[in-house]
Structure formats: structure tokens, C-alpha cells
Amino acid sequence: MFLIRLIKHLWALIAYRHLSFEEAREKFTRWVESSRPQYTKDYKFRVLGTGFMYKSCGAFGDVFISPCGRFALKRSQDAGCDEGYSHFLQLALKRQDNPYYPRIYAHLQDDCTQVVLMERLRPLASTQYLWVKKLRQHMTTDMATLALKDENYQQLVADLQALFASTKRIQCDIHHSNVMRRGEQLVVTDPAS
């Protein structure tokens, strides 16, 4: 069984590289959604056999990159412990028109695990760290005193302030590893712990 999955993985790694963005998004979204019944039944989500390659891990999960390099898959190990990310993800799903939030294409979640198919983002350049520091300062500033011209940024700050105020268990975790970029656009990916 493992050998068959490995062969499928290698085939997918080669075959999916040449899909257009739209074709790849549709295919990968369909794959995640078609996994929903099995995921709901036993809370397992297998990546081997899909062509997605392991990229990195965090405290609660693993990140995989699609064969075409344009999508990321985050598979949590214990989302029940990462309440902050779960709440942020629900917020991001409502704000898909705001460029400061990541674009999410598919999402599976139960009480303790989750899978998110999203756009692949790039790490910040060191010249962009100042923006992260400023965002972190805005988390403790009264919204009435902030004169923000960018409505999308203002919405982000208000959303994050409300998220951190909603419960003492969710803490601000904004730093340069939890903010990434889409071209030159900065995107908040995991601001809460």
C-alpha cells in the first residue's frame, strides 16, 4: 500500500506541475473536499500520494507545498490547543476580499484537527519588519485614536483587537514569521496563540 502511494505521489509531483493556476486550484480544492467524509470519520488526512511536498512545521502542525508551488496545505496536529489560529481562520474566511488576510480555498475542521488549503505566501523581507512592529503596536492602541487611511488595514486592526479582547486564552503572536507577503502585499497568517 505504501509503495502504491509513493508511486502515485511521484506521478502527481510531475503531472501537476504544468496545470494552470485555475486548474490547480480547482483540482486541489476538489481533492480536499472529497476527503471530507473520510476525514470526518477518522480525522486523518493523507498527503502522501498527492504530490504535495513537506515544507516545514510549527507548534501545532505541518505545512506542505503543492507540486506547482502555488498552494500551501496546513495540516494541524491538534487544532483544539491552538484556539487562536482556529478563531483567526474563521475570521479570514469571512474577509476573503481583504488583501491583508490569506486566500483560503478549502477548509476541513473538527474539534481537534484541521486542514487548510491556501495560497502560498513568501517570507517577509527584512525591510518589511517595521510594518510588523507597527501592527503589533496598533494592537494596544485605541481604535478611536488611530487615523488609518487604508480601510482594509483598519478592518484588520479592528478584527484582531476584537479577537484578542474576546478571551484571555487568545494572545497576540504577531511577529515576522506570522506575517508573510503576496508580492509586495503583506498578509497576516497566524497572529494569535
Protein backbone atom coordinates (compact mmCIF):
# COMPACT_ATOMS: atom_id res chain seq x y z
CA MET A 1 0.00 0.00 0.00
CA PHE A 2 2.83 2.40 0.88
CA LEU A 3 4.58 1.65 -2.42
CA ILE A 4 1.40 2.41 -4.39
CA ARG A 5 1.00 5.74 -2.57
CA LEU A 6 4.65 6.57 -3.22
CA ILE A 7 4.26 5.86 -6.96
CA LYS A 8 1.08 7.99 -7.08
CA HIS A 9 2.95 10.74 -5.22
CA LEU A 10 5.79 10.79 -7.73
CA TRP A 11 3.37 10.75 -10.66
CA ALA A 12 1.36 13.64 -9.15
CA LEU A 13 4.53 15.60 -8.44
CA ILE A 14 5.41 15.51 -12.14
CA ALA A 15 1.92 15.73 -13.67
CA TYR A 16 0.52 18.63 -11.58
CA ARG A 17 3.42 20.99 -12.24
CA HIS A 18 2.00 22.09 -15.58
CA LEU A 19 -1.56 22.90 -14.54
CA SER A 20 -2.71 26.49 -14.87
CA PHE A 21 -3.46 28.33 -11.63
CA GLU A 22 -7.23 27.87 -12.09
CA GLU A 23 -6.91 24.16 -12.93
CA ALA A 24 -4.62 23.55 -9.98
CA ARG A 25 -6.86 25.46 -7.56
CA GLU A 26 -9.92 23.54 -8.73
CA LYS A 27 -8.14 20.17 -8.57
CA PHE A 28 -6.63 20.69 -5.13
CA THR A 29 -9.84 22.15 -3.71
CA ARG A 30 -11.81 19.19 -5.06
CA TRP A 31 -9.26 16.80 -3.55
CA VAL A 32 -9.55 18.38 -0.08
CA GLU A 33 -13.36 18.49 -0.26
CA SER A 34 -13.59 14.87 -1.49
CA SER A 35 -11.54 13.88 1.58
CA ARG A 36 -14.21 15.30 3.90
CA PRO A 37 -16.14 12.00 4.51
CA GLN A 38 -13.01 10.05 5.44
CA TYR A 39 -11.66 12.97 7.45
CA THR A 40 -14.95 13.26 9.36
CA LYS A 41 -14.93 9.53 10.01
CA ASP A 42 -11.39 9.05 11.35
CA TYR A 43 -9.87 12.61 11.42
CA LYS A 44 -6.97 11.58 9.19
CA PHE A 45 -5.82 13.44 6.12
CA ARG A 46 -3.17 11.77 3.99
CA VAL A 47 -0.79 13.87 1.91
CA LEU A 48 1.34 11.05 0.53
CA GLY A 49 0.13 10.26 -2.99
CA THR A 50 -0.89 13.84 -3.85
CA GLY A 51 2.42 15.33 -4.93
CA PHE A 52 2.43 17.86 -2.07
CA MET A 53 5.90 18.15 -0.55
CA TYR A 54 6.69 18.72 3.12
CA LYS A 55 7.92 22.29 3.74
CA SER A 56 8.04 22.96 7.48
CA CYS A 57 6.30 22.54 10.79
CA GLY A 58 5.15 24.71 13.66
CA ALA A 59 4.00 24.05 17.19
CA PHE A 60 0.64 22.67 16.05
CA GLY A 61 1.05 21.43 12.50
CA ASP A 62 2.84 20.78 9.25
CA VAL A 63 2.98 22.79 6.03
CA PHE A 64 3.15 21.19 2.59
CA ILE A 65 3.65 22.89 -0.80
CA SER A 66 1.74 21.84 -3.92
CA PRO A 67 3.59 20.29 -6.88
CA CYS A 68 3.12 23.52 -8.87
CA GLY A 69 4.45 25.58 -5.96
CA ARG A 70 1.45 27.95 -5.81
CA PHE A 71 -0.54 26.47 -2.92
CA ALA A 72 0.14 25.54 0.68
CA LEU A 73 -1.59 22.93 2.77
CA LYS A 74 -1.56 23.34 6.55
CA ARG A 75 -2.42 20.17 8.44
CA SER A 76 -2.81 20.67 12.18
CA GLN A 77 -1.72 18.16 14.74
CA ASP A 78 -4.00 19.46 17.48
CA ALA A 79 -6.11 22.47 16.48
CA GLY A 80 -8.06 22.16 19.73
CA CYS A 81 -4.99 23.50 21.55
CA ASP A 82 -4.46 26.29 19.01
CA GLU A 83 -7.69 28.15 19.68
CA GLY A 84 -6.21 31.43 18.44
CA TYR A 85 -5.48 30.12 14.94
CA SER A 86 -8.90 28.47 14.68
CA HIS A 87 -10.61 31.78 15.53
CA PHE A 88 -8.37 33.71 13.13
CA LEU A 89 -9.11 31.22 10.36
CA GLN A 90 -12.87 31.70 10.80
CA LEU A 91 -12.30 35.45 10.59
CA ALA A 92 -10.12 35.11 7.48
CA LEU A 93 -12.81 33.03 5.74
CA LYS A 94 -15.24 35.95 6.22
CA ARG A 95 -12.71 38.52 4.96
CA GLN A 96 -11.51 36.97 1.70
CA ASP A 97 -11.89 40.35 -0.05
CA ASN A 98 -9.37 41.96 2.33
CA PRO A 99 -5.80 41.67 0.96
CA TYR A 100 -4.29 41.52 4.48
CA TYR A 101 -5.88 38.08 5.02
CA PRO A 102 -4.67 34.89 3.30
CA ARG A 103 -6.76 33.44 0.46
CA ILE A 104 -8.26 30.16 1.61
CA TYR A 105 -9.61 27.63 -0.90
CA ALA A 106 -10.67 24.68 1.26
CA HIS A 107 -11.01 24.03 4.98
CA LEU A 108 -11.73 20.89 6.99
CA GLN A 109 -12.11 21.10 10.74
CA ASP A 110 -13.40 19.15 13.69
CA ASP A 111 -12.83 19.70 17.39
CA CYS A 112 -9.14 18.83 17.44
CA THR A 113 -7.70 18.75 13.90
CA GLN A 114 -7.93 20.83 10.74
CA VAL A 115 -6.69 21.04 7.17
CA VAL A 116 -6.40 24.32 5.25
CA LEU A 117 -5.65 24.69 1.55
CA MET A 118 -4.49 28.23 0.92
CA GLU A 119 -2.36 30.37 -1.33
CA ARG A 120 1.37 30.00 -0.94
CA LEU A 121 2.91 33.10 0.58
CA ARG A 122 6.55 34.14 0.85
CA PRO A 123 8.58 35.17 3.91
CA LEU A 124 8.96 38.87 4.63
CA ALA A 125 12.00 40.80 3.55
CA SER A 126 13.92 42.28 6.47
CA THR A 127 12.92 45.75 5.23
CA GLN A 128 9.27 44.86 5.99
CA TYR A 129 9.82 44.05 9.67
CA LEU A 130 8.99 47.64 10.62
CA TRP A 131 5.42 47.13 9.34
CA VAL A 132 5.06 44.12 11.66
CA LYS A 133 6.28 46.19 14.62
CA LYS A 134 3.77 48.92 13.77
CA LEU A 135 0.91 46.37 13.50
CA ARG A 136 1.85 44.96 16.90
CA GLN A 137 1.76 48.48 18.39
CA HIS A 138 -1.69 49.03 16.87
CA MET A 139 -2.99 46.04 18.83
CA THR A 140 -2.71 48.07 22.05
CA THR A 141 -3.87 51.42 20.66
CA ASP A 142 -7.46 52.61 20.96
CA MET A 143 -9.12 52.44 17.52
CA ALA A 144 -10.65 55.90 18.05
CA THR A 145 -7.18 57.46 18.23
CA LEU A 146 -5.80 55.63 15.18
CA ALA A 147 -6.08 57.66 11.98
CA LEU A 148 -5.77 54.86 9.44
CA LYS A 149 -6.35 55.75 5.79
CA ASP A 150 -6.34 52.19 4.43
CA GLU A 151 -9.83 50.76 5.12
CA ASN A 152 -8.66 47.17 4.71
CA TYR A 153 -5.86 47.70 7.21
CA GLN A 154 -8.27 49.43 9.59
CA GLN A 155 -10.60 46.42 9.34
CA LEU A 156 -7.69 44.06 10.05
CA VAL A 157 -6.63 46.02 13.15
CA ALA A 158 -10.21 46.20 14.46
CA ASP A 159 -10.74 42.47 13.82
CA LEU A 160 -7.52 41.49 15.59
CA GLN A 161 -8.19 43.77 18.55
CA ALA A 162 -11.64 42.20 18.93
CA LEU A 163 -10.14 38.71 18.63
CA PHE A 164 -7.61 39.35 21.40
CA ALA A 165 -10.24 41.01 23.61
CA SER A 166 -12.70 38.10 23.17
CA THR A 167 -10.93 35.80 25.61
CA LYS A 168 -7.85 35.84 27.80
CA ARG A 169 -6.80 32.46 26.31
CA ILE A 170 -6.04 34.07 22.93
CA GLN A 171 -2.84 36.10 22.98
CA CYS A 172 -1.25 38.34 20.34
CA ASP A 173 1.50 36.46 18.49
CA ILE A 174 2.31 38.92 15.72
CA HIS A 175 5.94 38.68 14.63
CA HIS A 176 7.84 38.46 11.34
CA SER A 177 7.27 34.69 10.98
CA ASN A 178 3.48 35.06 11.31
CA VAL A 179 3.21 37.77 8.67
CA MET A 180 4.09 36.90 5.08
CA ARG A 181 3.78 38.54 1.67
CA ARG A 182 1.92 38.10 -1.58
CA GLY A 183 4.20 40.02 -3.94
CA GLU A 184 4.57 43.30 -2.04
CA GLN A 185 1.24 42.91 -0.18
CA LEU A 186 1.71 41.98 3.47
CA VAL A 187 -0.56 39.18 4.72
CA VAL A 188 -1.20 38.22 8.35
CA THR A 189 -1.14 34.43 8.58
CA ASP A 190 -1.20 33.41 12.24
CA PRO A 191 -1.49 36.39 14.62
CA ALA A 192 -2.83 34.59 17.69
CA SER A 193 -1.71 31.87 20.04
